[in-house]
Amino acid sequence: TGTGKSTVANHILGIDKFKVSDSLDSTTDKVSHGEREEDGIEEGKKYIIKVVDTVGLFDTAALKNKKAMKEIKKYINEQVPDGIHLVLFLFKKGKFTNEEKGTFDFVLERFGDDIKNISALLITHCENDDANSREQLKHDFRTNLATKGIANFMGK
């Protein structure tokens, strides 16, 4: 809750498709997606970029984790039949919570190495930090006992 999943999804799409709130409660209560068309490198080739905004695991009271994961899988199978090309793990700058660790472990147990090469880590709420602060944040994330396993998994 509050990591910025919907905000990042809106930025990728370039429009305000997903509801965003400053509330402490989870805003996203169902899986949905938005899409945009992007010119390809080759003349006349177009790409459709689909961004799927999911409920957060361990943060939506209405959905238990297994039910949420089942809903996410079903939605992706129906709406993104060509498969996923990138999975973003979002973590909010600051203390790494049990919720975030639980989410990562929960997803990893179900997908394991299948998502390793298509995963990226995005730390949110640090857009106002200077370059030195961001480098320190990356260093801390790679060396902290609670997070270095995630950094190692992603090879980052």
Protein backbone atom coordinates (compact mmCIF):
# COMPACT_ATOMS: atom_id res chain seq x y z
CA THR A 1 0.00 0.00 0.00
CA GLY A 2 1.31 3.38 -0.96
CA THR A 3 4.34 2.22 -2.95
CA GLY A 4 3.10 3.97 -6.07
CA LYS A 5 2.12 1.08 -8.37
CA SER A 6 -0.76 3.00 -9.96
CA THR A 7 1.27 6.20 -10.23
CA VAL A 8 4.09 4.38 -12.04
CA ALA A 9 1.56 2.67 -14.33
CA ASN A 10 0.06 6.07 -15.19
CA HIS A 11 3.53 7.49 -15.96
CA ILE A 12 4.35 4.59 -18.28
CA LEU A 13 1.06 5.07 -20.14
CA GLY A 14 1.37 8.85 -20.21
CA ILE A 15 -2.22 9.29 -19.00
CA ASP A 16 -4.12 9.13 -15.71
CA LYS A 17 -5.77 5.76 -16.30
CA PHE A 18 -5.51 4.32 -12.79
CA LYS A 19 -6.89 5.82 -9.60
CA VAL A 20 -4.25 7.29 -7.30
CA SER A 21 -4.76 8.36 -3.71
CA ASP A 22 -2.76 9.58 -0.73
CA SER A 23 -4.88 7.37 1.51
CA LEU A 24 -3.22 4.88 3.83
CA ASP A 25 -5.66 2.26 2.55
CA SER A 26 -5.15 0.35 -0.67
CA THR A 27 -6.66 2.16 -3.66
CA THR A 28 -6.48 -0.64 -6.23
CA ASP A 29 -9.11 -3.28 -5.52
CA LYS A 30 -9.11 -5.15 -8.84
CA VAL A 31 -6.74 -5.95 -11.66
CA SER A 32 -7.05 -3.71 -14.71
CA HIS A 33 -4.93 -2.49 -17.59
CA GLY A 34 -4.35 0.43 -19.89
CA GLU A 35 -2.56 0.55 -23.19
CA ARG A 36 -0.89 2.92 -25.59
CA GLU A 37 0.53 2.64 -29.06
CA GLU A 38 4.20 3.35 -29.64
CA ASP A 39 6.10 3.71 -32.91
CA GLY A 40 8.62 0.96 -33.54
CA ILE A 41 12.15 1.36 -34.83
CA GLU A 42 11.16 -0.08 -38.21
CA GLU A 43 9.22 2.19 -40.55
CA GLY A 44 5.48 1.74 -40.06
CA LYS A 45 5.80 -0.78 -37.23
CA LYS A 46 3.71 -0.10 -34.15
CA TYR A 47 3.80 -1.64 -30.70
CA ILE A 48 1.01 -1.85 -28.20
CA ILE A 49 2.25 -1.29 -24.66
CA LYS A 50 -0.09 -2.79 -22.08
CA VAL A 51 0.36 -1.92 -18.44
CA VAL A 52 -1.40 -4.12 -15.92
CA ASP A 53 -2.12 -2.53 -12.55
CA THR A 54 -2.61 -5.20 -9.93
CA VAL A 55 -3.79 -5.30 -6.39
CA GLY A 56 -0.88 -5.36 -4.01
CA LEU A 57 -0.25 -8.63 -2.29
CA PHE A 58 -0.38 -8.44 1.50
CA ASP A 59 -2.05 -5.02 1.33
CA THR A 60 -5.63 -5.42 0.13
CA ALA A 61 -7.90 -6.51 2.95
CA ALA A 62 -10.68 -7.66 0.60
CA LEU A 63 -8.48 -10.18 -1.17
CA LYS A 64 -6.31 -12.84 0.32
CA ASN A 65 -2.97 -13.49 -1.37
CA LYS A 66 -3.89 -16.73 -3.13
CA LYS A 67 -7.14 -15.28 -4.39
CA ALA A 68 -5.35 -12.12 -5.53
CA MET A 69 -2.70 -14.14 -7.37
CA LYS A 70 -5.41 -16.27 -9.01
CA GLU A 71 -7.18 -13.09 -10.13
CA ILE A 72 -3.93 -11.64 -11.50
CA LYS A 73 -3.09 -14.84 -13.43
CA LYS A 74 -6.60 -15.09 -14.87
CA TYR A 75 -6.59 -11.47 -15.94
CA ILE A 76 -3.18 -11.74 -17.60
CA ASN A 77 -4.15 -14.96 -19.43
CA GLU A 78 -7.27 -13.27 -20.78
CA GLN A 79 -6.01 -9.75 -21.43
CA VAL A 80 -2.32 -10.30 -22.22
CA PRO A 81 -2.30 -13.55 -24.21
CA ASP A 82 1.07 -12.77 -25.81
CA GLY A 83 2.71 -12.92 -22.39
CA ILE A 84 4.50 -10.53 -20.10
CA HIS A 85 7.75 -8.85 -21.07
CA LEU A 86 8.49 -6.97 -17.85
CA VAL A 87 7.56 -7.41 -14.19
CA LEU A 88 8.23 -4.41 -11.99
CA PHE A 89 8.75 -4.91 -8.28
CA LEU A 90 8.08 -1.62 -6.54
CA PHE A 91 9.42 -0.78 -3.11
CA LYS A 92 8.92 2.49 -1.31
CA LYS A 93 12.07 4.23 -0.14
CA GLY A 94 12.54 3.79 3.58
CA LYS A 95 12.23 0.81 5.83
CA PHE A 96 11.81 -2.48 3.98
CA THR A 97 8.59 -3.91 5.43
CA ASN A 98 7.43 -7.46 6.09
CA GLU A 99 4.66 -6.76 3.56
CA GLU A 100 7.22 -6.05 0.84
CA LYS A 101 9.37 -9.06 1.74
CA GLY A 102 6.28 -11.25 1.87
CA THR A 103 5.14 -10.03 -1.54
CA PHE A 104 8.48 -10.76 -3.15
CA ASP A 105 8.73 -14.21 -1.54
CA PHE A 106 5.12 -15.04 -2.45
CA VAL A 107 5.66 -14.17 -6.14
CA LEU A 108 9.03 -15.91 -6.24
CA GLU A 109 7.57 -19.14 -4.82
CA ARG A 110 5.06 -19.20 -7.66
CA PHE A 111 7.22 -18.07 -10.58
CA GLY A 112 10.83 -18.57 -9.49
CA ASP A 113 13.39 -18.23 -12.23
CA ASP A 114 10.66 -17.83 -14.87
CA ILE A 115 10.52 -14.11 -14.10
CA LYS A 116 14.15 -13.49 -13.22
CA ASN A 117 15.16 -12.24 -16.66
CA ILE A 118 12.08 -10.05 -17.10
CA SER A 119 12.07 -8.42 -13.67
CA ALA A 120 13.15 -4.97 -12.65
CA LEU A 121 13.30 -3.29 -9.29
CA LEU A 122 11.91 0.20 -8.88
CA ILE A 123 12.34 2.14 -5.66
CA THR A 124 9.72 4.88 -5.39
CA HIS A 125 9.47 8.13 -3.42
CA CYS A 126 13.07 9.12 -4.09
CA GLU A 127 12.56 11.40 -7.08
CA ASN A 128 13.76 14.44 -5.13
CA ASP A 129 16.99 12.78 -3.95
CA ASP A 130 20.30 13.91 -5.41
CA ALA A 131 22.67 11.53 -7.24
CA ASN A 132 24.73 10.75 -4.11
CA SER A 133 21.62 9.88 -2.11
CA ARG A 134 20.39 7.58 -4.88
CA GLU A 135 23.75 5.82 -5.07
CA GLN A 136 23.69 5.34 -1.29
CA LEU A 137 20.15 3.94 -1.55
CA LYS A 138 21.26 1.42 -4.20
CA HIS A 139 24.27 0.44 -2.08
CA ASP A 140 22.10 0.01 1.02
CA PHE A 141 19.58 -2.10 -0.89
CA ARG A 142 22.33 -4.39 -2.19
CA THR A 143 23.97 -4.89 1.20
CA ASN A 144 21.09 -4.88 3.70
CA LEU A 145 20.32 -8.39 4.98
CA ALA A 146 16.58 -7.94 4.38
CA THR A 147 16.96 -6.82 0.75
CA LYS A 148 20.19 -8.15 -0.69
CA GLY A 149 18.54 -11.44 -1.66
CA ILE A 150 16.17 -9.51 -3.89
CA ALA A 151 19.01 -7.50 -5.40
CA ASN A 152 20.96 -10.73 -6.00
CA PHE A 153 17.93 -12.44 -7.57
CA MET A 154 17.58 -9.62 -10.06
CA GLY A 155 21.31 -9.37 -10.64
CA LYS A 156 21.22 -5.67 -9.99
